[in-house]
Amino acid sequence: MKFVIYGSGCSKCEQLTSNAQTAAKDLGINCEVEKVTDTNSIIDAGIMRTPALAIDDDIVFEGKVASVDEIKQLLA
């Protein structure tokens, strides 16, 4: 499974990364995390608000720090 975190690298982006990794770990899912910080790449992906999370190329959260439980619900 691949997680892509879109954002500037701010504390909210770091928290979203941590939450996604924790959710995957809690469910026993192996994941790869990619961080996209380039503004043009973020825009090209169709992201209008950061931070954003994509799971396997599907944008699932945009403009918020999803909680561990919210991410788990998507993965379960």
N, C-alpha and C. Protein backbone atom coordinates (compact mmCIF):
# COMPACT_ATOMS: atom_id res chain seq x y z
N MET A 1 0.84 -1.16 0.00
CA MET A 1 0.00 0.00 0.00
C MET A 1 0.89 1.23 0.00
N LYS A 2 0.45 2.25 -0.71
CA LYS A 2 1.26 3.47 -0.83
C LYS A 2 0.46 4.66 -0.34
N PHE A 3 1.06 5.41 0.60
CA PHE A 3 0.50 6.66 1.07
C PHE A 3 1.30 7.80 0.45
N VAL A 4 0.60 8.82 -0.03
CA VAL A 4 1.27 10.03 -0.50
C VAL A 4 0.74 11.19 0.33
N ILE A 5 1.64 11.90 0.97
CA ILE A 5 1.31 13.07 1.78
C ILE A 5 1.67 14.30 0.96
N TYR A 6 0.68 15.15 0.70
CA TYR A 6 0.89 16.38 -0.06
C TYR A 6 0.89 17.55 0.90
N GLY A 7 1.92 18.38 0.84
CA GLY A 7 1.99 19.57 1.68
C GLY A 7 3.39 20.13 1.72
N SER A 8 3.52 21.23 2.46
CA SER A 8 4.79 21.96 2.49
C SER A 8 5.84 21.34 3.39
N GLY A 9 5.42 20.35 4.19
CA GLY A 9 6.35 19.78 5.16
C GLY A 9 6.17 20.38 6.54
N CYS A 10 5.07 21.08 6.73
CA CYS A 10 4.79 21.73 8.01
C CYS A 10 4.42 20.71 9.08
N SER A 11 4.16 21.20 10.28
CA SER A 11 3.84 20.30 11.38
C SER A 11 2.55 19.52 11.12
N LYS A 12 1.59 20.12 10.43
CA LYS A 12 0.35 19.40 10.09
C LYS A 12 0.63 18.24 9.14
N CYS A 13 1.53 18.47 8.20
CA CYS A 13 1.91 17.40 7.25
C CYS A 13 2.60 16.27 7.99
N GLU A 14 3.46 16.62 8.92
CA GLU A 14 4.17 15.61 9.71
C GLU A 14 3.20 14.81 10.57
N GLN A 15 2.20 15.49 11.14
CA GLN A 15 1.21 14.79 11.96
C GLN A 15 0.37 13.84 11.10
N LEU A 16 0.00 14.27 9.90
CA LEU A 16 -0.77 13.41 9.00
C LEU A 16 0.05 12.18 8.61
N THR A 17 1.34 12.37 8.37
CA THR A 17 2.23 11.26 8.05
C THR A 17 2.27 10.27 9.20
N SER A 18 2.45 10.79 10.40
CA SER A 18 2.50 9.94 11.58
C SER A 18 1.18 9.18 11.78
N ASN A 19 0.06 9.86 11.61
CA ASN A 19 -1.25 9.22 11.78
C ASN A 19 -1.46 8.11 10.76
N ALA A 20 -1.05 8.35 9.52
CA ALA A 20 -1.21 7.32 8.48
C ALA A 20 -0.34 6.10 8.78
N GLN A 21 0.89 6.33 9.19
CA GLN A 21 1.77 5.22 9.52
C GLN A 21 1.26 4.44 10.73
N THR A 22 0.75 5.14 11.72
CA THR A 22 0.21 4.46 12.90
C THR A 22 -1.01 3.63 12.55
N ALA A 23 -1.90 4.16 11.72
CA ALA A 23 -3.10 3.43 11.32
C ALA A 23 -2.72 2.15 10.59
N ALA A 24 -1.77 2.25 9.67
CA ALA A 24 -1.34 1.06 8.92
C ALA A 24 -0.70 0.04 9.85
N LYS A 25 0.16 0.51 10.74
CA LYS A 25 0.84 -0.39 11.67
C LYS A 25 -0.17 -1.10 12.58
N ASP A 26 -1.15 -0.35 13.09
CA ASP A 26 -2.16 -0.93 13.97
C ASP A 26 -2.97 -2.04 13.27
N LEU A 27 -3.14 -1.90 11.96
CA LEU A 27 -3.90 -2.89 11.19
C LEU A 27 -3.01 -3.96 10.56
N GLY A 28 -1.71 -3.87 10.81
CA GLY A 28 -0.78 -4.86 10.27
C GLY A 28 -0.57 -4.74 8.77
N ILE A 29 -0.68 -3.52 8.25
CA ILE A 29 -0.53 -3.27 6.81
C ILE A 29 0.84 -2.67 6.56
N ASN A 30 1.56 -3.25 5.60
CA ASN A 30 2.84 -2.67 5.19
C ASN A 30 2.55 -1.51 4.25
N CYS A 31 3.23 -0.40 4.47
CA CYS A 31 2.98 0.76 3.62
C CYS A 31 4.28 1.46 3.26
N GLU A 32 4.21 2.13 2.14
CA GLU A 32 5.29 2.99 1.67
C GLU A 32 4.75 4.41 1.75
N VAL A 33 5.56 5.34 2.23
CA VAL A 33 5.13 6.73 2.36
C VAL A 33 5.98 7.60 1.44
N GLU A 34 5.30 8.41 0.65
CA GLU A 34 5.97 9.39 -0.21
C GLU A 34 5.46 10.76 0.20
N LYS A 35 6.36 11.71 0.28
CA LYS A 35 5.97 13.09 0.61
C LYS A 35 6.19 13.96 -0.62
N VAL A 36 5.16 14.71 -0.98
CA VAL A 36 5.23 15.62 -2.12
C VAL A 36 5.14 17.03 -1.57
N THR A 37 6.22 17.80 -1.74
CA THR A 37 6.26 19.16 -1.22
C THR A 37 6.32 20.22 -2.33
N ASP A 38 6.55 19.81 -3.55
CA ASP A 38 6.65 20.74 -4.67
C ASP A 38 5.27 21.29 -5.01
N THR A 39 5.14 22.62 -4.97
CA THR A 39 3.84 23.26 -5.19
C THR A 39 3.23 22.88 -6.54
N ASN A 40 4.03 22.87 -7.58
CA ASN A 40 3.49 22.52 -8.90
C ASN A 40 3.00 21.08 -8.95
N SER A 41 3.70 20.17 -8.30
CA SER A 41 3.27 18.77 -8.26
C SER A 41 1.97 18.62 -7.47
N ILE A 42 1.84 19.40 -6.42
CA ILE A 42 0.61 19.36 -5.62
C ILE A 42 -0.56 19.85 -6.46
N ILE A 43 -0.37 20.93 -7.16
CA ILE A 43 -1.43 21.48 -8.03
C ILE A 43 -1.75 20.50 -9.15
N ASP A 44 -0.73 19.90 -9.75
CA ASP A 44 -0.93 18.93 -10.82
C ASP A 44 -1.74 17.72 -10.36
N ALA A 45 -1.64 17.39 -9.08
CA ALA A 45 -2.39 16.25 -8.53
C ALA A 45 -3.85 16.63 -8.25
N GLY A 46 -4.18 17.91 -8.41
CA GLY A 46 -5.54 18.37 -8.18
C GLY A 46 -5.82 18.75 -6.74
N ILE A 47 -4.77 18.90 -5.94
CA ILE A 47 -4.92 19.26 -4.55
C ILE A 47 -5.07 20.78 -4.44
N MET A 48 -6.16 21.21 -3.79
CA MET A 48 -6.38 22.64 -3.61
C MET A 48 -6.04 23.10 -2.19
N ARG A 49 -6.10 22.17 -1.22
CA ARG A 49 -5.81 22.51 0.18
C ARG A 49 -4.92 21.43 0.77
N THR A 50 -3.91 21.85 1.51
CA THR A 50 -3.01 20.90 2.15
C THR A 50 -3.18 21.00 3.65
N PRO A 51 -2.82 19.98 4.39
CA PRO A 51 -2.24 18.73 3.92
C PRO A 51 -3.30 17.84 3.28
N ALA A 52 -2.83 16.92 2.46
CA ALA A 52 -3.72 15.97 1.80
C ALA A 52 -3.08 14.59 1.85
N LEU A 53 -3.94 13.59 1.83
CA LEU A 53 -3.48 12.20 1.87
C LEU A 53 -4.10 11.44 0.73
N ALA A 54 -3.25 10.74 -0.02
CA ALA A 54 -3.71 9.82 -1.06
C ALA A 54 -3.29 8.42 -0.66
N ILE A 55 -4.19 7.48 -0.85
CA ILE A 55 -3.89 6.08 -0.60
C ILE A 55 -4.03 5.36 -1.93
N ASP A 56 -2.93 4.75 -2.37
CA ASP A 56 -2.90 4.06 -3.67
C ASP A 56 -3.47 4.94 -4.78
N ASP A 57 -3.01 6.18 -4.85
CA ASP A 57 -3.33 7.15 -5.90
C ASP A 57 -4.74 7.73 -5.82
N ASP A 58 -5.51 7.43 -4.78
CA ASP A 58 -6.82 8.04 -4.58
C ASP A 58 -6.72 9.05 -3.45
N ILE A 59 -7.07 10.31 -3.72
CA ILE A 59 -7.03 11.34 -2.70
C ILE A 59 -8.21 11.11 -1.75
N VAL A 60 -7.90 10.88 -0.48
CA VAL A 60 -8.94 10.54 0.48
C VAL A 60 -9.20 11.64 1.52
N PHE A 61 -8.22 12.46 1.78
CA PHE A 61 -8.38 13.60 2.68
C PHE A 61 -7.66 14.79 2.09
N GLU A 62 -8.28 15.96 2.21
CA GLU A 62 -7.68 17.18 1.69
C GLU A 62 -8.00 18.33 2.63
N GLY A 63 -6.99 19.08 3.01
CA GLY A 63 -7.19 20.26 3.83
C GLY A 63 -7.43 19.98 5.30
N LYS A 64 -7.04 18.77 5.76
CA LYS A 64 -7.20 18.46 7.17
C LYS A 64 -6.22 17.39 7.59
N VAL A 65 -5.98 17.33 8.88
CA VAL A 65 -5.15 16.27 9.44
C VAL A 65 -6.11 15.17 9.89
N ALA A 66 -6.18 14.12 9.10
CA ALA A 66 -7.06 13.00 9.43
C ALA A 66 -6.52 12.27 10.66
N SER A 67 -7.43 11.85 11.53
CA SER A 67 -7.03 11.13 12.73
C SER A 67 -6.66 9.69 12.38
N VAL A 68 -6.01 9.04 13.31
CA VAL A 68 -5.65 7.62 13.12
C VAL A 68 -6.92 6.82 12.87
N ASP A 69 -7.96 7.07 13.65
CA ASP A 69 -9.21 6.33 13.49
C ASP A 69 -9.87 6.56 12.14
N GLU A 70 -9.85 7.80 11.65
CA GLU A 70 -10.42 8.10 10.33
C GLU A 70 -9.69 7.33 9.23
N ILE A 71 -8.38 7.26 9.34
CA ILE A 71 -7.59 6.56 8.34
C ILE A 71 -7.83 5.05 8.45
N LYS A 72 -7.92 4.55 9.67
CA LYS A 72 -8.19 3.12 9.87
C LYS A 72 -9.50 2.71 9.21
N GLN A 73 -10.53 3.56 9.32
CA GLN A 73 -11.83 3.24 8.72
C GLN A 73 -11.70 3.05 7.21
N LEU A 74 -10.83 3.82 6.58
CA LEU A 74 -10.64 3.69 5.13
C LEU A 74 -9.86 2.40 4.79
N LEU A 75 -8.98 2.02 5.68
CA LEU A 75 -8.10 0.88 5.40
C LEU A 75 -8.75 -0.46 5.75
N ALA A 76 -9.70 -0.44 6.66
CA ALA A 76 -10.31 -1.69 7.14
C ALA A 76 -11.31 -2.26 6.13
